[in-house]
Structures are given as C-alpha cells and as structure tokens.
Amino acid sequence: MVEDAAALMAQWVDPQYQGHPERAIVFTIEAWDANCPQPITPRYTEEESGDIIQSLRDRITVLEAENRT
C-alpha cells in the first residue's frame, strides 16, 4: 500500500476527472503468462460480433436519451 507519494500518484491523475488518487497498491510482477490465441476457437465471426456490438450501441443510445429527460 502506497500513500504520501505525490510523484507516483501524479502519474495517475486524470485532468478530465475531479477526483484524484490518494493511495495505491503497487504489485511487483515476477512472471506473466499470456494465453496463446492459436488454440482458442472464435465464438463469433467478425460480422456477427459487429452486429452484436451495434445492438449494444443502439441500446446505450436509447438509455442515454432516457437519462437526459
């Protein structure tokens, strides 16, 4: 747990956001294992994914419009 480390916290400041970090948990990574995508069979084709994503975007647009009223 890191507190009172202004230089470290300044790295995570988002000027578009009012809040600011007060503390952080710093991890030391000793090893990393990324899964190889070769044996993973895609669940959807690129076209199917596009259709799914567009339906989600459409729903977000509707919900945002509802929230504005």
N, C-alpha and C. Protein backbone atom coordinates (compact mmCIF):
# COMPACT_ATOMS: atom_id res chain seq x y z
N MET A 1 0.85 -1.16 0.00
CA MET A 1 0.00 0.00 0.00
C MET A 1 0.90 1.23 0.00
N VAL A 2 0.65 2.15 -0.91
CA VAL A 2 1.47 3.35 -1.04
C VAL A 2 0.60 4.57 -0.75
N GLU A 3 1.06 5.41 0.15
CA GLU A 3 0.40 6.68 0.47
C GLU A 3 1.48 7.76 0.55
N ASP A 4 1.07 9.00 0.42
CA ASP A 4 2.01 10.12 0.52
C ASP A 4 3.18 9.99 -0.45
N ALA A 5 2.89 9.59 -1.68
CA ALA A 5 3.91 9.51 -2.73
C ALA A 5 3.42 10.37 -3.89
N ALA A 6 3.56 11.68 -3.75
CA ALA A 6 2.99 12.63 -4.71
C ALA A 6 3.44 12.37 -6.14
N ALA A 7 4.72 12.09 -6.35
CA ALA A 7 5.23 11.87 -7.70
C ALA A 7 4.60 10.62 -8.33
N LEU A 8 4.44 9.58 -7.53
CA LEU A 8 3.83 8.35 -8.01
C LEU A 8 2.35 8.57 -8.33
N MET A 9 1.64 9.23 -7.43
CA MET A 9 0.21 9.48 -7.63
C MET A 9 -0.04 10.40 -8.81
N ALA A 10 0.87 11.33 -9.08
CA ALA A 10 0.70 12.27 -10.19
C ALA A 10 0.63 11.54 -11.54
N GLN A 11 1.22 10.36 -11.61
CA GLN A 11 1.18 9.58 -12.85
C GLN A 11 -0.24 9.13 -13.20
N TRP A 12 -1.11 9.05 -12.20
CA TRP A 12 -2.45 8.50 -12.41
C TRP A 12 -3.53 9.56 -12.40
N VAL A 13 -3.15 10.83 -12.37
CA VAL A 13 -4.14 11.90 -12.35
C VAL A 13 -4.76 12.04 -13.73
N ASP A 14 -6.08 12.11 -13.76
CA ASP A 14 -6.81 12.34 -15.00
C ASP A 14 -7.35 13.77 -14.95
N PRO A 15 -6.83 14.67 -15.80
CA PRO A 15 -7.25 16.06 -15.73
C PRO A 15 -8.74 16.26 -16.05
N GLN A 16 -9.37 15.27 -16.65
CA GLN A 16 -10.79 15.37 -17.00
C GLN A 16 -11.69 14.90 -15.86
N TYR A 17 -11.08 14.46 -14.77
CA TYR A 17 -11.83 13.90 -13.65
C TYR A 17 -11.52 14.70 -12.40
N GLN A 18 -12.57 15.03 -11.62
CA GLN A 18 -12.38 15.88 -10.44
C GLN A 18 -11.62 15.19 -9.31
N GLY A 19 -11.79 13.90 -9.18
CA GLY A 19 -11.14 13.18 -8.10
C GLY A 19 -9.65 12.99 -8.37
N HIS A 20 -8.94 12.57 -7.36
CA HIS A 20 -7.52 12.30 -7.52
C HIS A 20 -7.14 11.13 -6.61
N PRO A 21 -6.14 10.36 -7.03
CA PRO A 21 -5.75 9.20 -6.22
C PRO A 21 -5.13 9.63 -4.90
N GLU A 22 -5.48 8.92 -3.85
CA GLU A 22 -4.93 9.19 -2.52
C GLU A 22 -3.97 8.09 -2.08
N ARG A 23 -4.18 6.90 -2.59
CA ARG A 23 -3.31 5.77 -2.24
C ARG A 23 -3.38 4.76 -3.38
N ALA A 24 -2.44 3.85 -3.39
CA ALA A 24 -2.38 2.85 -4.44
C ALA A 24 -1.80 1.56 -3.88
N ILE A 25 -2.08 0.49 -4.56
CA ILE A 25 -1.46 -0.79 -4.25
C ILE A 25 -0.51 -1.07 -5.41
N VAL A 26 0.75 -1.27 -5.11
CA VAL A 26 1.77 -1.50 -6.12
C VAL A 26 2.17 -2.97 -6.08
N PHE A 27 2.12 -3.60 -7.23
CA PHE A 27 2.49 -5.01 -7.35
C PHE A 27 3.83 -5.15 -8.04
N THR A 28 4.61 -6.10 -7.63
CA THR A 28 5.82 -6.47 -8.32
C THR A 28 5.53 -7.77 -9.06
N ILE A 29 5.57 -7.69 -10.39
CA ILE A 29 5.26 -8.85 -11.23
C ILE A 29 6.55 -9.64 -11.45
N GLU A 30 6.52 -10.89 -11.06
CA GLU A 30 7.68 -11.75 -11.25
C GLU A 30 7.55 -12.63 -12.48
N ALA A 31 6.34 -12.87 -12.92
CA ALA A 31 6.13 -13.70 -14.11
C ALA A 31 4.79 -13.34 -14.73
N TRP A 32 4.68 -13.56 -16.01
CA TRP A 32 3.45 -13.27 -16.73
C TRP A 32 3.27 -14.34 -17.78
N ASP A 33 2.06 -14.88 -17.88
CA ASP A 33 1.79 -15.92 -18.86
C ASP A 33 0.55 -15.52 -19.64
N ALA A 34 0.75 -15.11 -20.87
CA ALA A 34 -0.38 -14.75 -21.72
C ALA A 34 -0.83 -16.00 -22.48
N ASN A 35 -2.14 -16.20 -22.55
CA ASN A 35 -2.65 -17.35 -23.28
C ASN A 35 -2.41 -17.17 -24.77
N CYS A 36 -1.98 -18.21 -25.41
CA CYS A 36 -1.79 -18.20 -26.85
C CYS A 36 -3.16 -18.31 -27.51
N PRO A 37 -3.53 -17.37 -28.41
CA PRO A 37 -4.86 -17.41 -29.02
C PRO A 37 -5.01 -18.50 -30.08
N GLN A 38 -3.92 -19.15 -30.46
CA GLN A 38 -3.98 -20.14 -31.53
C GLN A 38 -5.00 -21.26 -31.26
N PRO A 39 -5.02 -21.88 -30.06
CA PRO A 39 -5.97 -22.98 -29.87
C PRO A 39 -7.38 -22.52 -29.48
N ILE A 40 -7.60 -21.22 -29.36
CA ILE A 40 -8.91 -20.72 -28.94
C ILE A 40 -9.78 -20.52 -30.18
N THR A 41 -10.87 -21.26 -30.25
CA THR A 41 -11.78 -21.15 -31.38
C THR A 41 -12.66 -19.92 -31.19
N PRO A 42 -12.68 -19.00 -32.16
CA PRO A 42 -13.55 -17.82 -32.03
C PRO A 42 -15.01 -18.23 -31.89
N ARG A 43 -15.71 -17.58 -31.00
CA ARG A 43 -17.11 -17.90 -30.76
C ARG A 43 -18.01 -17.28 -31.83
N TYR A 44 -17.64 -16.09 -32.27
CA TYR A 44 -18.43 -15.38 -33.28
C TYR A 44 -17.53 -14.95 -34.42
N THR A 45 -18.11 -14.85 -35.60
CA THR A 45 -17.36 -14.31 -36.72
C THR A 45 -17.25 -12.80 -36.53
N GLU A 46 -16.39 -12.16 -37.29
CA GLU A 46 -16.24 -10.71 -37.20
C GLU A 46 -17.56 -10.01 -37.53
N GLU A 47 -18.28 -10.54 -38.51
CA GLU A 47 -19.58 -9.96 -38.89
C GLU A 47 -20.59 -10.10 -37.75
N GLU A 48 -20.65 -11.28 -37.14
CA GLU A 48 -21.57 -11.49 -36.01
C GLU A 48 -21.23 -10.58 -34.84
N SER A 49 -19.96 -10.42 -34.58
CA SER A 49 -19.53 -9.54 -33.50
C SER A 49 -19.98 -8.11 -33.77
N GLY A 50 -19.83 -7.68 -35.02
CA GLY A 50 -20.24 -6.33 -35.39
C GLY A 50 -21.72 -6.11 -35.14
N ASP A 51 -22.54 -7.10 -35.47
CA ASP A 51 -23.99 -7.00 -35.24
C ASP A 51 -24.31 -6.92 -33.75
N ILE A 52 -23.64 -7.72 -32.96
CA ILE A 52 -23.86 -7.73 -31.51
C ILE A 52 -23.45 -6.39 -30.91
N ILE A 53 -22.29 -5.91 -31.30
CA ILE A 53 -21.79 -4.64 -30.78
C ILE A 53 -22.72 -3.49 -31.18
N GLN A 54 -23.20 -3.50 -32.41
CA GLN A 54 -24.10 -2.44 -32.86
C GLN A 54 -25.40 -2.45 -32.06
N SER A 55 -25.93 -3.63 -31.75
CA SER A 55 -27.16 -3.69 -30.96
C SER A 55 -26.92 -3.12 -29.56
N LEU A 56 -25.74 -3.37 -28.99
CA LEU A 56 -25.41 -2.80 -27.69
C LEU A 56 -25.27 -1.28 -27.77
N ARG A 57 -24.64 -0.79 -28.83
CA ARG A 57 -24.52 0.66 -29.01
C ARG A 57 -25.89 1.31 -29.16
N ASP A 58 -26.78 0.66 -29.89
CA ASP A 58 -28.14 1.19 -30.05
C ASP A 58 -28.84 1.26 -28.70
N ARG A 59 -28.68 0.23 -27.88
CA ARG A 59 -29.31 0.22 -26.56
C ARG A 59 -28.73 1.32 -25.67
N ILE A 60 -27.44 1.53 -25.74
CA ILE A 60 -26.80 2.61 -24.97
C ILE A 60 -27.37 3.96 -25.39
N THR A 61 -27.57 4.16 -26.68
CA THR A 61 -28.13 5.42 -27.19
C THR A 61 -29.51 5.64 -26.62
N VAL A 62 -30.33 4.60 -26.58
CA VAL A 62 -31.68 4.71 -26.03
C VAL A 62 -31.62 5.05 -24.54
N LEU A 63 -30.78 4.37 -23.79
CA LEU A 63 -30.67 4.60 -22.35
C LEU A 63 -30.14 5.99 -22.05
N GLU A 64 -29.18 6.46 -22.83
CA GLU A 64 -28.66 7.81 -22.63
C GLU A 64 -29.73 8.85 -22.90
N ALA A 65 -30.56 8.62 -23.91
CA ALA A 65 -31.65 9.55 -24.21
C ALA A 65 -32.66 9.57 -23.08
N GLU A 66 -32.94 8.40 -22.51
CA GLU A 66 -33.87 8.34 -21.37
C GLU A 66 -33.32 9.10 -20.17
N ASN A 67 -32.02 9.01 -19.94
CA ASN A 67 -31.40 9.68 -18.80
C ASN A 67 -31.37 11.20 -18.98
N ARG A 68 -31.37 11.67 -20.20
CA ARG A 68 -31.36 13.12 -20.46
C ARG A 68 -32.72 13.75 -20.15
N THR A 69 -33.76 12.96 -20.18
CA THR A 69 -35.12 13.53 -19.95
C THR A 69 -35.52 13.42 -18.51
